[in-house]
Amino acid sequence: MKNLCTLLLLIFISGLNAQIIYTENDGPKIGTKVKEEYLEDITGYDLQDFIKTGGNQDWEISGSTISDDPYEYISVNDLPFRSMFPGCNMAEQIVPNTDSSYSMYQTTTNGLYLVGSYAPGTAIVFSQPLLLVKYPLMFGDTYQNDVTATFDAGGFPAQLEMKTNTVVDAWGTMKTKKGSFPCIRVKNVQLLEFFVAGFPFGSQTFTSHSWVAKTYAQPVASLSFIEIEDNNGISSDTSISILDEQEIVANEDVLKETLSLKISPNPVTDILYVAVPETKYNEAVYSIIDAQGKALIQGKAKQGEEIVINVQQLIPGNYLVQLVLDQKTSLFDILTKP
């Protein structure tokens, strides 16, 4: 009986550990560059298997993919239209940004918010920031937003009304060609209605199921349904995407910080030391990440403190050290040995 109770306890604890908590340290930051791929053919998938709610699930996405243009998160300091978006402290752009369009964000300790969007001649600013990702985010969370925006549409007054509802309705492991990821799944339903000169001009319903994993700024996989209704009738589309790669963009600020950082010894057996340069920052947040993208060791240090990381618990192999100095992120390869 004792052995049975012990086994049940271990199973219960393992289940709890699989339910990840997504925090501000995992979300997108200035300097992060992301690239996605889309499945060429989704006809072989039973999509109902991907939207079942509950815990301890296993999902797998495989098949030929098509690469999409990468995008990156950048500072708004040099954007001349920054003042049009109150509270905005980060922007997203397609690389290369041939049409000079941007999505404008506000990132805080409480969440990632969409403030609006900018394209030459058109600035859409929401009545209030739209909460995209709540921090911390975990299984069972739910929240909703209603926002509006008025803007100029070719000389006519236009209005956008957006209603969203978000719920974290599942957790488990998502497997793609990039690896296996402990995830929580986020369901988002978004209704957009457009009005031009006071008349209905069209609507769009967007439903997405996104698998979110630790240390990844974007979902490692997404299933999306979109339905558009306008003067041409109703059209719809379904797509499945996976995260292809995520890297830290070597912009001037990040590169300067990275070149000044020193990690030793490498390879490491017991204790890893991270020497942080005398730069202005409030807090350093570090993570040791394995090949599956799981953060095995995490911690914080204030300015002036030496970062000392005990890695004795790690099995020999290759790992990543992620270091975040406020909004600047750096990644380093390390090798642990017996």
C-alpha atoms as a PDB file:
ATOM      1  CA  MET A   1       0.000   0.000   0.000  1.00  0.00           C
ATOM      2  CA  LYS A   2       2.837   2.355   0.824  1.00  0.00           C
ATOM      3  CA  ASN A   3       4.434   1.776  -2.587  1.00  0.00           C
ATOM      4  CA  LEU A   4       1.116   2.440  -4.324  1.00  0.00           C
ATOM      5  CA  CYS A   5       0.656   5.718  -2.446  1.00  0.00           C
ATOM      6  CA  THR A   6       4.190   6.752  -3.338  1.00  0.00           C
ATOM      7  CA  LEU A   7       3.575   5.970  -7.018  1.00  0.00           C
ATOM      8  CA  LEU A   8       0.329   7.969  -7.043  1.00  0.00           C
ATOM      9  CA  LEU A   9       2.078  10.891  -5.369  1.00  0.00           C
ATOM     10  CA  LEU A  10       4.841  10.866  -7.990  1.00  0.00           C
ATOM     11  CA  ILE A  11       2.283  10.799 -10.791  1.00  0.00           C
ATOM     12  CA  PHE A  12       0.422  13.694  -9.204  1.00  0.00           C
ATOM     13  CA  ILE A  13       3.590  15.748  -8.789  1.00  0.00           C
ATOM     14  CA  SER A  14       4.662  15.026 -12.381  1.00  0.00           C
ATOM     15  CA  GLY A  15       1.298  16.284 -13.585  1.00  0.00           C
ATOM     16  CA  LEU A  16       1.689  19.501 -11.644  1.00  0.00           C
ATOM     17  CA  ASN A  17       5.148  20.066 -13.084  1.00  0.00           C
ATOM     18  CA  ALA A  18       3.843  19.689 -16.628  1.00  0.00           C
ATOM     19  CA  GLN A  19       1.534  22.666 -16.169  1.00  0.00           C
ATOM     20  CA  ILE A  20       3.947  25.441 -17.052  1.00  0.00           C
ATOM     21  CA  ILE A  21       3.526  29.060 -15.981  1.00  0.00           C
ATOM     22  CA  TYR A  22       4.357  31.614 -18.683  1.00  0.00           C
ATOM     23  CA  THR A  23       5.828  34.822 -17.262  1.00  0.00           C
ATOM     24  CA  GLU A  24       7.095  38.199 -18.438  1.00  0.00           C
ATOM     25  CA  ASN A  25      10.606  36.725 -18.707  1.00  0.00           C
ATOM     26  CA  ASP A  26       9.334  34.333 -21.397  1.00  0.00           C
ATOM     27  CA  GLY A  27       7.448  36.901 -23.473  1.00  0.00           C
ATOM     28  CA  PRO A  28       8.754  38.965 -26.411  1.00  0.00           C
ATOM     29  CA  LYS A  29      11.417  41.576 -25.716  1.00  0.00           C
ATOM     30  CA  ILE A  30      13.284  44.171 -27.707  1.00  0.00           C
ATOM     31  CA  GLY A  31      15.910  42.350 -29.772  1.00  0.00           C
ATOM     32  CA  THR A  32      13.945  39.107 -30.306  1.00  0.00           C
ATOM     33  CA  LYS A  33      13.631  37.867 -33.901  1.00  0.00           C
ATOM     34  CA  VAL A  34      11.139  35.135 -34.774  1.00  0.00           C
ATOM     35  CA  LYS A  35      10.471  33.041 -37.862  1.00  0.00           C
ATOM     36  CA  GLU A  36       7.451  30.802 -38.469  1.00  0.00           C
ATOM     37  CA  GLU A  37       6.542  28.123 -40.992  1.00  0.00           C
ATOM     38  CA  TYR A  38       3.118  27.039 -42.267  1.00  0.00           C
ATOM     39  CA  LEU A  39       2.025  23.521 -43.141  1.00  0.00           C
ATOM     40  CA  GLU A  40       1.511  23.053 -46.865  1.00  0.00           C
ATOM     41  CA  ASP A  41      -1.296  20.532 -46.374  1.00  0.00           C
ATOM     42  CA  ILE A  42      -3.539  20.130 -43.293  1.00  0.00           C
ATOM     43  CA  THR A  43      -6.093  17.735 -44.825  1.00  0.00           C
ATOM     44  CA  GLY A  44      -4.612  14.744 -42.997  1.00  0.00           C
ATOM     45  CA  TYR A  45      -5.270  16.224 -39.566  1.00  0.00           C
ATOM     46  CA  ASP A  46      -8.319  15.700 -37.381  1.00  0.00           C
ATOM     47  CA  LEU A  47      -8.557  19.258 -36.098  1.00  0.00           C
ATOM     48  CA  GLN A  48     -10.896  18.197 -33.301  1.00  0.00           C
ATOM     49  CA  ASP A  49      -7.942  16.452 -31.675  1.00  0.00           C
ATOM     50  CA  PHE A  50      -6.181  19.798 -31.441  1.00  0.00           C
ATOM     51  CA  ILE A  51      -8.989  21.671 -29.689  1.00  0.00           C
ATOM     52  CA  LYS A  52      -9.980  19.227 -26.951  1.00  0.00           C
ATOM     53  CA  THR A  53      -9.809  20.865 -23.547  1.00  0.00           C
ATOM     54  CA  GLY A  54      -8.142  19.481 -20.428  1.00  0.00           C
ATOM     55  CA  GLY A  55      -4.748  18.442 -19.194  1.00  0.00           C
ATOM     56  CA  ASN A  56      -1.940  15.978 -19.808  1.00  0.00           C
ATOM     57  CA  GLN A  57      -2.462  15.923 -23.578  1.00  0.00           C
ATOM     58  CA  ASP A  58      -0.053  15.072 -26.384  1.00  0.00           C
ATOM     59  CA  TRP A  59      -0.101  16.865 -29.729  1.00  0.00           C
ATOM     60  CA  GLU A  60       2.083  16.414 -32.789  1.00  0.00           C
ATOM     61  CA  ILE A  61       2.501  18.476 -35.958  1.00  0.00           C
ATOM     62  CA  SER A  62       4.542  17.166 -38.881  1.00  0.00           C
ATOM     63  CA  GLY A  63       4.663  17.540 -42.642  1.00  0.00           C
ATOM     64  CA  SER A  64       6.074  19.805 -45.324  1.00  0.00           C
ATOM     65  CA  THR A  65       6.165  23.485 -44.436  1.00  0.00           C
ATOM     66  CA  ILE A  66       6.467  26.850 -46.147  1.00  0.00           C
ATOM     67  CA  SER A  67       8.631  29.548 -44.568  1.00  0.00           C
ATOM     68  CA  ASP A  68       7.154  32.923 -43.764  1.00  0.00           C
ATOM     69  CA  ASP A  69       8.949  36.264 -43.500  1.00  0.00           C
ATOM     70  CA  PRO A  70      10.657  36.709 -40.127  1.00  0.00           C
ATOM     71  CA  TYR A  71       9.716  39.547 -37.816  1.00  0.00           C
ATOM     72  CA  GLU A  72      11.458  41.231 -34.937  1.00  0.00           C
ATOM     73  CA  TYR A  73      10.682  43.280 -31.866  1.00  0.00           C
ATOM     74  CA  ILE A  74      12.412  46.644 -31.813  1.00  0.00           C
ATOM     75  CA  SER A  75      12.773  49.760 -29.679  1.00  0.00           C
ATOM     76  CA  VAL A  76      10.367  52.633 -30.358  1.00  0.00           C
ATOM     77  CA  ASN A  77      12.848  55.323 -29.312  1.00  0.00           C
ATOM     78  CA  ASP A  78      13.781  56.271 -32.887  1.00  0.00           C
ATOM     79  CA  LEU A  79      10.308  55.974 -34.416  1.00  0.00           C
ATOM     80  CA  PRO A  80       9.118  59.524 -35.249  1.00  0.00           C
ATOM     81  CA  PHE A  81       5.428  58.638 -34.695  1.00  0.00           C
ATOM     82  CA  ARG A  82       5.997  57.136 -31.241  1.00  0.00           C
ATOM     83  CA  SER A  83       4.079  59.951 -29.480  1.00  0.00           C
ATOM     84  CA  MET A  84       0.901  58.919 -31.287  1.00  0.00           C
ATOM     85  CA  PHE A  85       0.795  55.691 -29.237  1.00  0.00           C
ATOM     86  CA  PRO A  86       0.655  56.488 -25.485  1.00  0.00           C
ATOM     87  CA  GLY A  87       2.381  53.898 -23.303  1.00  0.00           C
ATOM     88  CA  CYS A  88       3.994  52.119 -26.270  1.00  0.00           C
ATOM     89  CA  ASN A  89       7.504  50.837 -25.453  1.00  0.00           C
ATOM     90  CA  MET A  90       8.067  48.169 -28.137  1.00  0.00           C
ATOM     91  CA  ALA A  91       7.208  47.629 -31.804  1.00  0.00           C
ATOM     92  CA  GLU A  92       7.080  44.667 -34.167  1.00  0.00           C
ATOM     93  CA  GLN A  93       8.108  44.782 -37.822  1.00  0.00           C
ATOM     94  CA  ILE A  94       8.413  42.348 -40.717  1.00  0.00           C
ATOM     95  CA  VAL A  95      12.000  41.841 -41.927  1.00  0.00           C
ATOM     96  CA  PRO A  96      12.678  43.487 -44.314  1.00  0.00           C
ATOM     97  CA  ASN A  97      10.081  46.139 -43.529  1.00  0.00           C
ATOM     98  CA  THR A  98       9.402  47.161 -47.133  1.00  0.00           C
ATOM     99  CA  ASP A  99       6.052  48.865 -46.422  1.00  0.00           C
ATOM    100  CA  SER A 100       7.219  50.631 -43.220  1.00  0.00           C
ATOM    101  CA  SER A 101       4.358  49.221 -41.149  1.00  0.00           C
ATOM    102  CA  TYR A 102       4.535  48.445 -37.441  1.00  0.00           C
ATOM    103  CA  SER A 103       2.498  46.848 -34.676  1.00  0.00           C
ATOM    104  CA  MET A 104       2.828  48.935 -31.518  1.00  0.00           C
ATOM    105  CA  TYR A 105       3.034  47.233 -28.112  1.00  0.00           C
ATOM    106  CA  GLN A 106       3.213  47.987 -24.443  1.00  0.00           C
ATOM    107  CA  THR A 107       5.021  45.363 -22.379  1.00  0.00           C
ATOM    108  CA  THR A 108       4.746  45.464 -18.580  1.00  0.00           C
ATOM    109  CA  THR A 109       5.117  43.097 -15.640  1.00  0.00           C
ATOM    110  CA  ASN A 110       1.372  42.414 -15.933  1.00  0.00           C
ATOM    111  CA  GLY A 111       1.167  41.524 -19.606  1.00  0.00           C
ATOM    112  CA  LEU A 112       1.776  42.199 -23.282  1.00  0.00           C
ATOM    113  CA  TYR A 113      -0.625  44.765 -24.766  1.00  0.00           C
ATOM    114  CA  LEU A 114      -1.333  45.836 -28.346  1.00  0.00           C
ATOM    115  CA  VAL A 115      -1.633  49.634 -28.482  1.00  0.00           C
ATOM    116  CA  GLY A 116      -2.347  49.901 -32.198  1.00  0.00           C
ATOM    117  CA  SER A 117      -0.710  49.787 -35.621  1.00  0.00           C
ATOM    118  CA  TYR A 118       1.055  52.213 -37.923  1.00  0.00           C
ATOM    119  CA  ALA A 119       1.479  52.386 -41.689  1.00  0.00           C
ATOM    120  CA  PRO A 120       2.398  55.459 -43.741  1.00  0.00           C
ATOM    121  CA  GLY A 121      -0.717  57.621 -43.818  1.00  0.00           C
ATOM    122  CA  THR A 122      -2.696  55.484 -41.348  1.00  0.00           C
ATOM    123  CA  ALA A 123      -2.327  55.261 -37.583  1.00  0.00           C
ATOM    124  CA  ILE A 124      -4.800  53.066 -35.692  1.00  0.00           C
ATOM    125  CA  VAL A 125      -4.708  53.775 -31.957  1.00  0.00           C
ATOM    126  CA  PHE A 126      -6.966  51.763 -29.654  1.00  0.00           C
ATOM    127  CA  SER A 127      -9.139  53.420 -27.030  1.00  0.00           C
ATOM    128  CA  GLN A 128      -7.184  51.406 -24.471  1.00  0.00           C
ATOM    129  CA  PRO A 129      -4.343  48.852 -24.736  1.00  0.00           C
ATOM    130  CA  LEU A 130      -5.578  45.409 -25.798  1.00  0.00           C
ATOM    131  CA  LEU A 131      -4.318  42.673 -23.466  1.00  0.00           C
ATOM    132  CA  LEU A 132      -2.796  39.898 -25.597  1.00  0.00           C
ATOM    133  CA  VAL A 133      -0.899  37.858 -22.991  1.00  0.00           C
ATOM    134  CA  LYS A 134      -1.449  38.105 -19.242  1.00  0.00           C
ATOM    135  CA  TYR A 135       1.583  37.644 -16.966  1.00  0.00           C
ATOM    136  CA  PRO A 136       1.799  35.222 -15.327  1.00  0.00           C
ATOM    137  CA  LEU A 137      -0.284  32.984 -17.612  1.00  0.00           C
ATOM    138  CA  MET A 138      -1.383  29.507 -16.538  1.00  0.00           C
ATOM    139  CA  PHE A 139      -3.942  26.783 -17.159  1.00  0.00           C
ATOM    140  CA  GLY A 140      -7.467  27.935 -16.281  1.00  0.00           C
ATOM    141  CA  ASP A 141      -6.869  31.663 -16.818  1.00  0.00           C
ATOM    142  CA  THR A 142      -9.468  33.645 -18.744  1.00  0.00           C
ATOM    143  CA  TYR A 143      -9.814  37.315 -19.689  1.00  0.00           C
ATOM    144  CA  GLN A 144     -11.513  39.536 -22.251  1.00  0.00           C
ATOM    145  CA  ASN A 145     -11.122  42.985 -23.839  1.00  0.00           C
ATOM    146  CA  ASP A 146     -13.326  45.342 -25.855  1.00  0.00           C
ATOM    147  CA  VAL A 147     -11.526  48.185 -27.661  1.00  0.00           C
ATOM    148  CA  THR A 148     -12.326  50.691 -30.400  1.00  0.00           C
ATOM    149  CA  ALA A 149     -10.286  52.894 -32.714  1.00  0.00           C
ATOM    150  CA  THR A 150     -11.131  55.737 -35.103  1.00  0.00           C
ATOM    151  CA  PHE A 151      -8.928  56.541 -38.076  1.00  0.00           C
ATOM    152  CA  ASP A 152      -8.878  57.954 -41.592  1.00  0.00           C
ATOM    153  CA  ALA A 153      -9.648  55.526 -44.413  1.00  0.00           C
ATOM    154  CA  GLY A 154      -8.812  57.254 -47.682  1.00  0.00           C
ATOM    155  CA  GLY A 155     -10.407  60.519 -46.622  1.00  0.00           C
ATOM    156  CA  PHE A 156     -13.425  58.933 -44.915  1.00  0.00           C
ATOM    157  CA  PRO A 157     -13.876  58.600 -41.133  1.00  0.00           C
ATOM    158  CA  ALA A 158     -13.538  54.958 -40.125  1.00  0.00           C
ATOM    159  CA  GLN A 159     -14.041  53.037 -36.924  1.00  0.00           C
ATOM    160  CA  LEU A 160     -12.866  49.630 -35.779  1.00  0.00           C
ATOM    161  CA  GLU A 161     -14.548  47.707 -32.956  1.00  0.00           C
ATOM    162  CA  MET A 162     -12.740  44.689 -31.530  1.00  0.00           C
ATOM    163  CA  LYS A 163     -14.003  42.198 -28.975  1.00  0.00           C
ATOM    164  CA  THR A 164     -11.726  39.410 -27.719  1.00  0.00           C
ATOM    165  CA  ASN A 165     -12.034  36.539 -25.298  1.00  0.00           C
ATOM    166  CA  THR A 166      -9.073  34.452 -24.144  1.00  0.00           C
ATOM    167  CA  VAL A 167      -8.950  31.242 -22.118  1.00  0.00           C
ATOM    168  CA  VAL A 168      -6.094  28.840 -21.302  1.00  0.00           C
ATOM    169  CA  ASP A 169      -8.024  25.613 -21.760  1.00  0.00           C
ATOM    170  CA  ALA A 170      -5.431  22.813 -22.066  1.00  0.00           C
ATOM    171  CA  TRP A 171      -1.925  21.737 -21.153  1.00  0.00           C
ATOM    172  CA  GLY A 172       0.410  18.969 -22.250  1.00  0.00           C
ATOM    173  CA  THR A 173       3.258  18.371 -24.710  1.00  0.00           C
ATOM    174  CA  MET A 174       3.466  19.667 -28.269  1.00  0.00           C
ATOM    175  CA  LYS A 175       5.855  17.876 -30.627  1.00  0.00           C
ATOM    176  CA  THR A 176       7.067  19.505 -33.853  1.00  0.00           C
ATOM    177  CA  LYS A 177      10.121  18.959 -36.011  1.00  0.00           C
ATOM    178  CA  LYS A 178      11.888  21.427 -33.726  1.00  0.00           C
ATOM    179  CA  GLY A 179      11.423  19.318 -30.581  1.00  0.00           C
ATOM    180  CA  SER A 180       8.980  18.465 -27.801  1.00  0.00           C
ATOM    181  CA  PHE A 181       7.663  21.332 -25.693  1.00  0.00           C
ATOM    182  CA  PRO A 182       5.739  21.315 -22.406  1.00  0.00           C
ATOM    183  CA  CYS A 183       2.938  23.779 -23.191  1.00  0.00           C
ATOM    184  CA  ILE A 184      -0.221  25.472 -22.139  1.00  0.00           C
ATOM    185  CA  ARG A 185      -2.750  26.038 -24.906  1.00  0.00           C
ATOM    186  CA  VAL A 186      -4.361  29.451 -25.276  1.00  0.00           C
ATOM    187  CA  LYS A 187      -7.676  29.842 -27.123  1.00  0.00           C
ATOM    188  CA  ASN A 188      -8.390  33.325 -28.431  1.00  0.00           C
ATOM    189  CA  VAL A 189     -11.611  34.407 -30.152  1.00  0.00           C
ATOM    190  CA  GLN A 190     -11.527  37.858 -31.737  1.00  0.00           C
ATOM    191  CA  LEU A 191     -14.383  39.672 -33.486  1.00  0.00           C
ATOM    192  CA  LEU A 192     -13.557  42.762 -35.562  1.00  0.00           C
ATOM    193  CA  GLU A 193     -16.170  45.011 -37.148  1.00  0.00           C
ATOM    194  CA  PHE A 194     -15.338  47.879 -39.529  1.00  0.00           C
ATOM    195  CA  PHE A 195     -17.412  50.990 -40.194  1.00  0.00           C
ATOM    196  CA  VAL A 196     -16.725  53.669 -42.810  1.00  0.00           C
ATOM    197  CA  ALA A 197     -18.634  56.960 -42.580  1.00  0.00           C
ATOM    198  CA  GLY A 198     -20.942  55.242 -40.096  1.00  0.00           C
ATOM    199  CA  PHE A 199     -21.879  52.345 -42.397  1.00  0.00           C
ATOM    200  CA  PRO A 200     -20.883  48.675 -41.796  1.00  0.00           C
ATOM    201  CA  PHE A 201     -18.016  47.835 -44.109  1.00  0.00           C
ATOM    202  CA  GLY A 202     -17.173  44.273 -43.081  1.00  0.00           C
ATOM    203  CA  SER A 203     -16.338  41.973 -40.212  1.00  0.00           C
ATOM    204  CA  GLN A 204     -13.761  39.360 -39.331  1.00  0.00           C
ATOM    205  CA  THR A 205     -13.856  36.506 -36.834  1.00  0.00           C
ATOM    206  CA  PHE A 206     -10.465  35.108 -35.878  1.00  0.00           C
ATOM    207  CA  THR A 207     -10.123  32.035 -33.653  1.00  0.00           C
ATOM    208  CA  SER A 208      -6.699  30.732 -32.704  1.00  0.00           C
ATOM    209  CA  HIS A 209      -5.402  27.882 -30.553  1.00  0.00           C
ATOM    210  CA  SER A 210      -1.807  28.626 -29.568  1.00  0.00           C
ATOM    211  CA  TRP A 211       0.656  26.344 -27.782  1.00  0.00           C
ATOM    212  CA  VAL A 212       2.836  28.481 -25.509  1.00  0.00           C
ATOM    213  CA  ALA A 213       6.144  27.209 -24.071  1.00  0.00           C
ATOM    214  CA  LYS A 214       8.684  28.625 -21.637  1.00  0.00           C
ATOM    215  CA  THR A 215      11.427  30.924 -23.038  1.00  0.00           C
ATOM    216  CA  TYR A 216       9.681  31.319 -26.413  1.00  0.00           C
ATOM    217  CA  ALA A 217       8.371  34.758 -27.359  1.00  0.00           C
ATOM    218  CA  GLN A 218       5.850  33.315 -29.810  1.00  0.00           C
ATOM    219  CA  PRO A 219       3.763  30.106 -29.656  1.00  0.00           C
ATOM    220  CA  VAL A 220       5.654  26.981 -30.731  1.00  0.00           C
ATOM    221  CA  ALA A 221       2.543  26.003 -32.718  1.00  0.00           C
ATOM    222  CA  SER A 222      -0.771  27.600 -33.699  1.00  0.00           C
ATOM    223  CA  LEU A 223      -4.042  26.494 -35.280  1.00  0.00           C
ATOM    224  CA  SER A 224      -6.002  29.406 -36.750  1.00  0.00           C
ATOM    225  CA  PHE A 225      -9.479  29.802 -38.227  1.00  0.00           C
ATOM    226  CA  ILE A 226     -10.456  33.052 -39.936  1.00  0.00           C
ATOM    227  CA  GLU A 227     -13.771  34.109 -41.476  1.00  0.00           C
ATOM    228  CA  ILE A 228     -14.150  37.409 -43.351  1.00  0.00           C
ATOM    229  CA  GLU A 229     -17.473  38.931 -44.397  1.00  0.00           C
ATOM    230  CA  ASP A 230     -17.558  41.959 -46.714  1.00  0.00           C
ATOM    231  CA  ASN A 231     -19.236  43.193 -49.902  1.00  0.00           C
ATOM    232  CA  ASN A 232     -17.751  40.238 -51.784  1.00  0.00           C
ATOM    233  CA  GLY A 233     -19.420  37.686 -49.515  1.00  0.00           C
ATOM    234  CA  ILE A 234     -17.947  35.342 -46.917  1.00  0.00           C
ATOM    235  CA  SER A 235     -14.514  33.728 -47.163  1.00  0.00           C
ATOM    236  CA  SER A 236     -12.654  31.540 -44.693  1.00  0.00           C
ATOM    237  CA  ASP A 237      -9.256  29.984 -44.168  1.00  0.00           C
ATOM    238  CA  THR A 238      -7.634  27.488 -41.782  1.00  0.00           C
ATOM    239  CA  SER A 239      -3.906  27.233 -41.161  1.00  0.00           C
ATOM    240  CA  ILE A 240      -1.383  25.492 -38.910  1.00  0.00           C
ATOM    241  CA  SER A 241       1.950  27.117 -38.141  1.00  0.00           C
ATOM    242  CA  ILE A 242       5.009  26.173 -36.104  1.00  0.00           C
ATOM    243  CA  LEU A 243       7.863  28.198 -34.689  1.00  0.00           C
ATOM    244  CA  ASP A 244      10.878  27.665 -36.927  1.00  0.00           C
ATOM    245  CA  GLU A 245      13.506  29.627 -35.041  1.00  0.00           C
ATOM    246  CA  GLN A 246      13.989  32.342 -32.454  1.00  0.00           C
ATOM    247  CA  GLU A 247      17.146  34.375 -32.074  1.00  0.00           C
ATOM    248  CA  ILE A 248      18.436  37.504 -30.447  1.00  0.00           C
ATOM    249  CA  VAL A 249      18.926  40.267 -32.994  1.00  0.00           C
ATOM    250  CA  ALA A 250      22.381  41.823 -32.731  1.00  0.00           C
ATOM    251  CA  ASN A 251      21.224  45.417 -32.707  1.00  0.00           C
ATOM    252  CA  GLU A 252      23.726  47.947 -31.432  1.00  0.00           C
ATOM    253  CA  ASP A 253      22.584  47.954 -27.794  1.00  0.00           C
ATOM    254  CA  VAL A 254      22.290  44.174 -27.469  1.00  0.00           C
ATOM    255  CA  LEU A 255      25.579  43.558 -29.265  1.00  0.00           C
ATOM    256  CA  LYS A 256      27.390  46.002 -26.994  1.00  0.00           C
ATOM    257  CA  GLU A 257      26.032  44.248 -23.917  1.00  0.00           C
ATOM    258  CA  THR A 258      26.816  40.772 -25.234  1.00  0.00           C
ATOM    259  CA  LEU A 259      30.425  41.516 -26.096  1.00  0.00           C
ATOM    260  CA  SER A 260      30.987  42.806 -22.555  1.00  0.00           C
ATOM    261  CA  LEU A 261      29.537  39.762 -20.789  1.00  0.00           C
ATOM    262  CA  LYS A 262      31.836  36.994 -19.626  1.00  0.00           C
ATOM    263  CA  ILE A 263      30.762  33.469 -18.704  1.00  0.00           C
ATOM    264  CA  SER A 264      33.238  31.067 -17.110  1.00  0.00           C
ATOM    265  CA  PRO A 265      34.286  28.369 -16.895  1.00  0.00           C
ATOM    266  CA  ASN A 266      33.013  26.827 -20.106  1.00  0.00           C
ATOM    267  CA  PRO A 267      32.826  23.800 -20.125  1.00  0.00           C
ATOM    268  CA  VAL A 268      31.576  23.875 -16.537  1.00  0.00           C
ATOM    269  CA  THR A 269      31.315  21.170 -13.890  1.00  0.00           C
ATOM    270  CA  ASP A 270      29.867  22.719 -10.731  1.00  0.00           C
ATOM    271  CA  ILE A 271      29.621  26.513 -10.624  1.00  0.00           C
ATOM    272  CA  LEU A 272      29.075  28.936 -13.515  1.00  0.00           C
ATOM    273  CA  TYR A 273      30.030  32.598 -13.098  1.00  0.00           C
ATOM    274  CA  VAL A 274      28.503  35.389 -15.165  1.00  0.00           C
ATOM    275  CA  ALA A 275      30.375  38.690 -15.064  1.00  0.00           C
ATOM    276  CA  VAL A 276      27.998  41.553 -15.901  1.00  0.00           C
ATOM    277  CA  PRO A 277      29.559  44.826 -17.089  1.00  0.00           C
ATOM    278  CA  GLU A 278      29.047  48.104 -15.276  1.00  0.00           C
ATOM    279  CA  THR A 279      25.998  49.152 -17.287  1.00  0.00           C
ATOM    280  CA  LYS A 280      22.780  50.780 -16.201  1.00  0.00           C
ATOM    281  CA  TYR A 281      20.108  48.209 -15.446  1.00  0.00           C
ATOM    282  CA  ASN A 282      17.778  47.426 -12.583  1.00  0.00           C
ATOM    283  CA  GLU A 283      17.780  43.652 -12.560  1.00  0.00           C
ATOM    284  CA  ALA A 284      19.447  40.704 -14.274  1.00  0.00           C
ATOM    285  CA  VAL A 285      17.294  37.617 -14.875  1.00  0.00           C
ATOM    286  CA  TYR A 286      18.994  34.383 -15.906  1.00  0.00           C
ATOM    287  CA  SER A 287      17.823  30.971 -17.094  1.00  0.00           C
ATOM    288  CA  ILE A 288      19.572  27.712 -18.002  1.00  0.00           C
ATOM    289  CA  ILE A 289      17.660  26.169 -20.921  1.00  0.00           C
ATOM    290  CA  ASP A 290      17.892  22.617 -22.265  1.00  0.00           C
ATOM    291  CA  ALA A 291      17.597  21.410 -25.873  1.00  0.00           C
ATOM    292  CA  GLN A 292      13.791  21.127 -25.564  1.00  0.00           C
ATOM    293  CA  GLY A 293      13.492  24.781 -24.562  1.00  0.00           C
ATOM    294  CA  LYS A 294      12.732  24.035 -20.902  1.00  0.00           C
ATOM    295  CA  ALA A 295      14.136  26.393 -18.274  1.00  0.00           C
ATOM    296  CA  LEU A 296      15.844  24.115 -15.717  1.00  0.00           C
ATOM    297  CA  ILE A 297      17.438  26.778 -13.525  1.00  0.00           C
ATOM    298  CA  GLN A 298      16.237  30.345 -13.035  1.00  0.00           C
ATOM    299  CA  GLY A 299      17.231  33.256 -10.846  1.00  0.00           C
ATOM    300  CA  LYS A 300      17.697  36.992 -10.471  1.00  0.00           C
ATOM    301  CA  ALA A 301      20.440  39.391  -9.427  1.00  0.00           C
ATOM    302  CA  LYS A 302      20.517  43.120  -8.782  1.00  0.00           C
ATOM    303  CA  GLN A 303      22.951  45.514 -10.365  1.00  0.00           C
ATOM    304  CA  GLY A 304      26.466  45.048  -9.003  1.00  0.00           C
ATOM    305  CA  GLU A 305      25.885  41.469  -7.823  1.00  0.00           C
ATOM    306  CA  GLU A 306      27.952  38.672  -9.319  1.00  0.00           C
ATOM    307  CA  ILE A 307      25.791  35.973 -10.845  1.00  0.00           C
ATOM    308  CA  VAL A 308      26.738  32.554  -9.499  1.00  0.00           C
ATOM    309  CA  ILE A 309      24.829  29.551 -10.871  1.00  0.00           C
ATOM    310  CA  ASN A 310      25.115  26.066  -9.409  1.00  0.00           C
ATOM    311  CA  VAL A 311      24.794  23.603 -12.307  1.00  0.00           C
ATOM    312  CA  GLN A 312      25.676  20.394 -10.458  1.00  0.00           C
ATOM    313  CA  GLN A 313      22.124  19.089 -10.943  1.00  0.00           C
ATOM    314  CA  LEU A 314      22.435  19.182 -14.748  1.00  0.00           C
ATOM    315  CA  ILE A 315      23.386  16.069 -16.644  1.00  0.00           C
ATOM    316  CA  PRO A 316      26.396  16.484 -18.987  1.00  0.00           C
ATOM    317  CA  GLY A 317      25.448  18.114 -22.269  1.00  0.00           C
ATOM    318  CA  ASN A 318      24.801  21.362 -24.128  1.00  0.00           C
ATOM    319  CA  TYR A 319      22.646  24.128 -22.683  1.00  0.00           C
ATOM    320  CA  LEU A 320      21.791  27.775 -23.297  1.00  0.00           C
ATOM    321  CA  VAL A 321      22.243  30.591 -20.816  1.00  0.00           C
ATOM    322  CA  GLN A 322      19.632  33.312 -21.294  1.00  0.00           C
ATOM    323  CA  LEU A 323      20.459  36.608 -19.608  1.00  0.00           C
ATOM    324  CA  VAL A 324      17.994  39.494 -19.566  1.00  0.00           C
ATOM    325  CA  LEU A 325      19.219  42.921 -18.453  1.00  0.00           C
ATOM    326  CA  ASP A 326      15.924  44.789 -18.213  1.00  0.00           C
ATOM    327  CA  GLN A 327      14.730  44.656 -21.860  1.00  0.00           C
ATOM    328  CA  LYS A 328      18.022  43.447 -23.403  1.00  0.00           C
ATOM    329  CA  THR A 329      18.413  39.693 -23.884  1.00  0.00           C
ATOM    330  CA  SER A 330      21.556  37.674 -24.620  1.00  0.00           C
ATOM    331  CA  LEU A 331      22.037  33.946 -25.241  1.00  0.00           C
ATOM    332  CA  PHE A 332      25.196  31.866 -24.726  1.00  0.00           C
ATOM    333  CA  ASP A 333      26.069  28.228 -25.352  1.00  0.00           C
ATOM    334  CA  ILE A 334      27.609  26.283 -22.479  1.00  0.00           C
ATOM    335  CA  LEU A 335      28.778  22.713 -22.099  1.00  0.00           C
ATOM    336  CA  THR A 336      28.463  20.848 -18.810  1.00  0.00           C
ATOM    337  CA  LYS A 337      30.763  17.936 -18.038  1.00  0.00           C
ATOM    338  CA  PRO A 338      30.960  15.295 -15.287  1.00  0.00           C
END
